[in-house]
């Protein structure tokens, strides 16, 4: 089992920073509160490692959540935001490599999460063989993202068929509230 996590709410008004290149915009106060709620939620699953994009919004999210759950943070450039010159296949290929690391962690008894961005997470879900109809049910958040900021999707293999099952397990509602689906 692996947890796919979208970074928390960044300051989208920062036009002086390039969105897809480091450092990118930092978190807002809402994003900081979401990262705290995310950490509190992840304590239930024994997450021991968080792989994260190098962009500030993801890195801040990872550091706050990891501080709460006592997890190791590992920056991985392959989790970066979708770049203008990339295709869906190239985004998928780079994220699949990190996903495989997280799967190996899982096989070794460590629960891991990947903190990335909406577009790359959507590409990864498509490459995992999630059927288009199932994937469409997830693309309901801002700008057609599969998760809201701070949202968590649990990805696990199901039974003999060895197909991937997705379940959104956390959607932040506010600083001290959360919705579990």
C-alpha atoms as a PDB file:
ATOM      1  CA  UNK A   1       0.000   0.000   0.000  1.00  0.00           C
ATOM      2  CA  UNK A   2       1.209   3.487  -0.884  1.00  0.00           C
ATOM      3  CA  UNK A   3      -0.289   6.879  -0.110  1.00  0.00           C
ATOM      4  CA  UNK A   4      -0.386   9.500  -2.878  1.00  0.00           C
ATOM      5  CA  UNK A   5      -0.572  12.962  -1.366  1.00  0.00           C
ATOM      6  CA  UNK A   6      -1.079  16.302  -3.049  1.00  0.00           C
ATOM      7  CA  UNK A   7       0.793  19.224  -1.489  1.00  0.00           C
ATOM      8  CA  UNK A   8      -1.245  21.612   0.646  1.00  0.00           C
ATOM      9  CA  UNK A   9      -2.515  25.036  -0.487  1.00  0.00           C
ATOM     10  CA  UNK A  10       0.225  27.273  -1.898  1.00  0.00           C
ATOM     11  CA  UNK A  11       0.126  31.016  -2.434  1.00  0.00           C
ATOM     12  CA  UNK A  12      -1.230  30.991  -5.996  1.00  0.00           C
ATOM     13  CA  UNK A  13      -1.132  34.799  -6.036  1.00  0.00           C
ATOM     14  CA  UNK A  14       2.687  34.832  -6.110  1.00  0.00           C
ATOM     15  CA  UNK A  15       3.300  35.838  -9.722  1.00  0.00           C
ATOM     16  CA  UNK A  16       6.971  36.601  -8.990  1.00  0.00           C
ATOM     17  CA  UNK A  17       7.760  32.869  -8.695  1.00  0.00           C
ATOM     18  CA  UNK A  18       7.654  30.296 -11.476  1.00  0.00           C
ATOM     19  CA  UNK A  19       5.045  27.722 -10.461  1.00  0.00           C
ATOM     20  CA  UNK A  20       6.736  24.619 -11.904  1.00  0.00           C
ATOM     21  CA  UNK A  21      10.373  25.361 -10.967  1.00  0.00           C
ATOM     22  CA  UNK A  22      12.042  25.525  -7.531  1.00  0.00           C
ATOM     23  CA  UNK A  23      11.351  27.122  -5.251  1.00  0.00           C
ATOM     24  CA  UNK A  24       7.801  27.783  -6.493  1.00  0.00           C
ATOM     25  CA  UNK A  25       5.259  29.453  -4.225  1.00  0.00           C
ATOM     26  CA  UNK A  26       5.256  28.770  -0.476  1.00  0.00           C
ATOM     27  CA  UNK A  27       2.256  27.620   1.531  1.00  0.00           C
ATOM     28  CA  UNK A  28      -0.458  29.956   2.721  1.00  0.00           C
ATOM     29  CA  UNK A  29      -1.693  29.952   6.317  1.00  0.00           C
ATOM     30  CA  UNK A  30      -4.448  27.614   5.117  1.00  0.00           C
ATOM     31  CA  UNK A  31      -1.784  25.344   3.576  1.00  0.00           C
ATOM     32  CA  UNK A  32       0.144  25.266   6.852  1.00  0.00           C
ATOM     33  CA  UNK A  33      -3.030  24.278   8.716  1.00  0.00           C
ATOM     34  CA  UNK A  34      -3.768  21.594   6.099  1.00  0.00           C
ATOM     35  CA  UNK A  35      -0.237  20.175   6.476  1.00  0.00           C
ATOM     36  CA  UNK A  36      -0.748  19.934  10.218  1.00  0.00           C
ATOM     37  CA  UNK A  37      -4.133  18.180   9.746  1.00  0.00           C
ATOM     38  CA  UNK A  38      -2.511  15.870   7.182  1.00  0.00           C
ATOM     39  CA  UNK A  39       0.186  14.890   9.673  1.00  0.00           C
ATOM     40  CA  UNK A  40      -2.408  14.207  12.360  1.00  0.00           C
ATOM     41  CA  UNK A  41      -4.340  12.024   9.937  1.00  0.00           C
ATOM     42  CA  UNK A  42      -1.285  10.062   8.758  1.00  0.00           C
ATOM     43  CA  UNK A  43      -0.416   9.055  12.338  1.00  0.00           C
ATOM     44  CA  UNK A  44      -3.005   6.259  11.957  1.00  0.00           C
ATOM     45  CA  UNK A  45      -1.036   4.441   9.279  1.00  0.00           C
ATOM     46  CA  UNK A  46       2.498   4.334  10.594  1.00  0.00           C
ATOM     47  CA  UNK A  47       3.896   6.214   7.604  1.00  0.00           C
ATOM     48  CA  UNK A  48       7.665   5.981   8.003  1.00  0.00           C
ATOM     49  CA  UNK A  49       8.865   7.724   4.826  1.00  0.00           C
ATOM     50  CA  UNK A  50       7.582  10.626   2.766  1.00  0.00           C
ATOM     51  CA  UNK A  51       9.054  11.042  -0.698  1.00  0.00           C
ATOM     52  CA  UNK A  52       8.516  14.624  -1.823  1.00  0.00           C
ATOM     53  CA  UNK A  53       8.838  16.972  -4.759  1.00  0.00           C
ATOM     54  CA  UNK A  54      11.580  19.585  -4.322  1.00  0.00           C
ATOM     55  CA  UNK A  55       9.140  22.460  -4.814  1.00  0.00           C
ATOM     56  CA  UNK A  56       8.649  24.489  -1.651  1.00  0.00           C
ATOM     57  CA  UNK A  57       4.922  23.781  -1.343  1.00  0.00           C
ATOM     58  CA  UNK A  58       5.546  20.025  -1.316  1.00  0.00           C
ATOM     59  CA  UNK A  59       8.671  20.178   0.809  1.00  0.00           C
ATOM     60  CA  UNK A  60       6.937  22.332   3.453  1.00  0.00           C
ATOM     61  CA  UNK A  61       3.980  19.934   3.454  1.00  0.00           C
ATOM     62  CA  UNK A  62       6.321  16.960   3.916  1.00  0.00           C
ATOM     63  CA  UNK A  63       8.361  18.544   6.707  1.00  0.00           C
ATOM     64  CA  UNK A  64       5.305  19.549   8.720  1.00  0.00           C
ATOM     65  CA  UNK A  65       3.551  16.187   8.328  1.00  0.00           C
ATOM     66  CA  UNK A  66       6.786  14.252   8.978  1.00  0.00           C
ATOM     67  CA  UNK A  67       7.405  16.268  12.138  1.00  0.00           C
ATOM     68  CA  UNK A  68       4.063  15.091  13.477  1.00  0.00           C
ATOM     69  CA  UNK A  69       4.353  11.438  12.457  1.00  0.00           C
ATOM     70  CA  UNK A  70       8.095  11.017  12.948  1.00  0.00           C
ATOM     71  CA  UNK A  71       8.683  10.045   9.314  1.00  0.00           C
ATOM     72  CA  UNK A  72      11.799  10.416   7.216  1.00  0.00           C
ATOM     73  CA  UNK A  73      11.581  12.993   4.389  1.00  0.00           C
ATOM     74  CA  UNK A  74      13.300  12.147   1.132  1.00  0.00           C
ATOM     75  CA  UNK A  75      13.361  14.753  -1.653  1.00  0.00           C
ATOM     76  CA  UNK A  76      13.055  13.182  -5.081  1.00  0.00           C
ATOM     77  CA  UNK A  77      13.344  15.406  -8.164  1.00  0.00           C
ATOM     78  CA  UNK A  78      11.137  13.007 -10.133  1.00  0.00           C
ATOM     79  CA  UNK A  79       8.094  14.111  -8.098  1.00  0.00           C
ATOM     80  CA  UNK A  80       8.336  17.703  -9.385  1.00  0.00           C
ATOM     81  CA  UNK A  81       5.427  19.489 -11.045  1.00  0.00           C
ATOM     82  CA  UNK A  82       4.574  18.746 -14.678  1.00  0.00           C
ATOM     83  CA  UNK A  83       7.060  20.640 -16.856  1.00  0.00           C
ATOM     84  CA  UNK A  84       5.944  22.525 -20.004  1.00  0.00           C
ATOM     85  CA  UNK A  85       7.946  20.290 -22.364  1.00  0.00           C
ATOM     86  CA  UNK A  86       6.766  16.982 -20.878  1.00  0.00           C
ATOM     87  CA  UNK A  87       4.274  14.447 -22.177  1.00  0.00           C
ATOM     88  CA  UNK A  88       1.950  12.389 -20.012  1.00  0.00           C
ATOM     89  CA  UNK A  89       4.129   9.347 -20.710  1.00  0.00           C
ATOM     90  CA  UNK A  90       7.333  11.048 -19.536  1.00  0.00           C
ATOM     91  CA  UNK A  91       5.630  12.316 -16.365  1.00  0.00           C
ATOM     92  CA  UNK A  92       4.255   8.840 -15.726  1.00  0.00           C
ATOM     93  CA  UNK A  93       7.634   7.191 -16.295  1.00  0.00           C
ATOM     94  CA  UNK A  94       9.423   9.373 -13.754  1.00  0.00           C
ATOM     95  CA  UNK A  95       6.697   9.022 -11.118  1.00  0.00           C
ATOM     96  CA  UNK A  96       6.475   5.250 -11.617  1.00  0.00           C
ATOM     97  CA  UNK A  97      10.118   4.946 -10.580  1.00  0.00           C
ATOM     98  CA  UNK A  98       9.422   6.653  -7.256  1.00  0.00           C
ATOM     99  CA  UNK A  99       6.194   4.684  -6.824  1.00  0.00           C
ATOM    100  CA  UNK A 100       8.255   1.491  -7.180  1.00  0.00           C
ATOM    101  CA  UNK A 101      10.557   2.688  -4.374  1.00  0.00           C
ATOM    102  CA  UNK A 102       7.528   3.228  -2.155  1.00  0.00           C
ATOM    103  CA  UNK A 103       6.224  -0.237  -3.053  1.00  0.00           C
ATOM    104  CA  UNK A 104       9.567  -1.769  -2.056  1.00  0.00           C
ATOM    105  CA  UNK A 105       9.315   0.106   1.243  1.00  0.00           C
ATOM    106  CA  UNK A 106       5.876  -1.422   1.706  1.00  0.00           C
ATOM    107  CA  UNK A 107       7.180  -4.916   0.968  1.00  0.00           C
ATOM    108  CA  UNK A 108       9.869  -4.309   3.610  1.00  0.00           C
ATOM    109  CA  UNK A 109       7.293  -3.327   6.221  1.00  0.00           C
ATOM    110  CA  UNK A 110       7.580   0.478   5.841  1.00  0.00           C
ATOM    111  CA  UNK A 111       4.549   2.518   4.901  1.00  0.00           C
ATOM    112  CA  UNK A 112       5.417   5.320   2.473  1.00  0.00           C
ATOM    113  CA  UNK A 113       3.733   8.312   0.922  1.00  0.00           C
ATOM    114  CA  UNK A 114       4.524  10.350  -2.180  1.00  0.00           C
ATOM    115  CA  UNK A 115       3.924  14.091  -1.950  1.00  0.00           C
ATOM    116  CA  UNK A 116       3.595  15.578  -5.396  1.00  0.00           C
ATOM    117  CA  UNK A 117       1.295  17.702  -7.552  1.00  0.00           C
ATOM    118  CA  UNK A 118      -2.146  17.147  -9.061  1.00  0.00           C
ATOM    119  CA  UNK A 119      -1.113  16.680 -12.695  1.00  0.00           C
ATOM    120  CA  UNK A 120       1.694  14.216 -12.018  1.00  0.00           C
ATOM    121  CA  UNK A 121      -0.479  12.222  -9.596  1.00  0.00           C
ATOM    122  CA  UNK A 122      -3.186  12.010 -12.271  1.00  0.00           C
ATOM    123  CA  UNK A 123      -0.630  10.797 -14.833  1.00  0.00           C
ATOM    124  CA  UNK A 124       0.641   8.160 -12.410  1.00  0.00           C
ATOM    125  CA  UNK A 125      -2.875   6.870 -11.744  1.00  0.00           C
ATOM    126  CA  UNK A 126      -3.419   6.494 -15.485  1.00  0.00           C
ATOM    127  CA  UNK A 127      -0.158   4.595 -15.885  1.00  0.00           C
ATOM    128  CA  UNK A 128      -1.065   2.213 -13.068  1.00  0.00           C
ATOM    129  CA  UNK A 129      -3.820   0.956 -15.340  1.00  0.00           C
ATOM    130  CA  UNK A 130      -6.710   2.664 -13.610  1.00  0.00           C
ATOM    131  CA  UNK A 131      -9.609   2.559 -16.046  1.00  0.00           C
ATOM    132  CA  UNK A 132     -10.670   5.870 -17.567  1.00  0.00           C
ATOM    133  CA  UNK A 133     -14.143   5.670 -16.034  1.00  0.00           C
ATOM    134  CA  UNK A 134     -12.697   5.171 -12.553  1.00  0.00           C
ATOM    135  CA  UNK A 135     -10.125   7.907 -13.070  1.00  0.00           C
ATOM    136  CA  UNK A 136     -12.810  10.378 -14.209  1.00  0.00           C
ATOM    137  CA  UNK A 137     -14.470  10.010 -10.796  1.00  0.00           C
ATOM    138  CA  UNK A 138     -11.288  11.389  -9.227  1.00  0.00           C
ATOM    139  CA  UNK A 139     -10.738  14.366 -11.561  1.00  0.00           C
ATOM    140  CA  UNK A 140     -13.253  16.593  -9.795  1.00  0.00           C
ATOM    141  CA  UNK A 141     -11.052  18.977  -7.861  1.00  0.00           C
ATOM    142  CA  UNK A 142      -9.611  22.355  -8.836  1.00  0.00           C
ATOM    143  CA  UNK A 143      -8.358  22.411 -12.441  1.00  0.00           C
ATOM    144  CA  UNK A 144      -9.397  18.769 -12.915  1.00  0.00           C
ATOM    145  CA  UNK A 145      -6.956  17.427 -10.322  1.00  0.00           C
ATOM    146  CA  UNK A 146      -7.445  13.939  -8.845  1.00  0.00           C
ATOM    147  CA  UNK A 147      -6.988  15.249  -5.278  1.00  0.00           C
ATOM    148  CA  UNK A 148      -7.618  18.544  -3.515  1.00  0.00           C
ATOM    149  CA  UNK A 149      -4.685  20.270  -1.795  1.00  0.00           C
ATOM    150  CA  UNK A 150      -3.612  17.965   1.093  1.00  0.00           C
ATOM    151  CA  UNK A 151      -5.789  15.160  -0.250  1.00  0.00           C
ATOM    152  CA  UNK A 152      -4.629  11.581   0.268  1.00  0.00           C
ATOM    153  CA  UNK A 153      -5.326   8.621  -1.996  1.00  0.00           C
ATOM    154  CA  UNK A 154      -4.599   5.115  -0.773  1.00  0.00           C
ATOM    155  CA  UNK A 155      -3.360   2.829  -3.563  1.00  0.00           C
ATOM    156  CA  UNK A 156      -3.356  -0.911  -2.928  1.00  0.00           C
ATOM    157  CA  UNK A 157      -3.412  -4.135  -4.916  1.00  0.00           C
ATOM    158  CA  UNK A 158      -6.633  -6.046  -4.828  1.00  0.00           C
ATOM    159  CA  UNK A 159      -6.784  -9.788  -4.480  1.00  0.00           C
ATOM    160  CA  UNK A 160      -5.890 -12.340  -7.100  1.00  0.00           C
ATOM    161  CA  UNK A 161      -6.485  -9.951 -10.001  1.00  0.00           C
ATOM    162  CA  UNK A 162      -3.607  -7.791  -8.794  1.00  0.00           C
ATOM    163  CA  UNK A 163      -5.368  -4.666 -10.024  1.00  0.00           C
ATOM    164  CA  UNK A 164      -4.856  -1.370  -8.271  1.00  0.00           C
ATOM    165  CA  UNK A 165      -7.634  -0.092  -6.062  1.00  0.00           C
ATOM    166  CA  UNK A 166      -7.891   3.603  -5.243  1.00  0.00           C
ATOM    167  CA  UNK A 167      -9.571   5.157  -2.259  1.00  0.00           C
ATOM    168  CA  UNK A 168      -9.523   8.796  -1.261  1.00  0.00           C
ATOM    169  CA  UNK A 169      -9.007   8.570   2.475  1.00  0.00           C
ATOM    170  CA  UNK A 170      -8.420  12.185   3.476  1.00  0.00           C
ATOM    171  CA  UNK A 171      -9.769  15.530   2.307  1.00  0.00           C
ATOM    172  CA  UNK A 172      -8.963  18.473   4.575  1.00  0.00           C
ATOM    173  CA  UNK A 173     -11.892  20.530   5.709  1.00  0.00           C
ATOM    174  CA  UNK A 174     -10.241  22.993   8.036  1.00  0.00           C
ATOM    175  CA  UNK A 175      -7.555  23.384  10.655  1.00  0.00           C
ATOM    176  CA  UNK A 176      -9.097  20.998  13.159  1.00  0.00           C
ATOM    177  CA  UNK A 177     -11.650  19.196  11.016  1.00  0.00           C
ATOM    178  CA  UNK A 178     -11.286  16.578   8.359  1.00  0.00           C
ATOM    179  CA  UNK A 179     -13.507  14.545   6.105  1.00  0.00           C
ATOM    180  CA  UNK A 180     -12.838  10.845   5.771  1.00  0.00           C
ATOM    181  CA  UNK A 181     -14.322   9.154   2.736  1.00  0.00           C
END
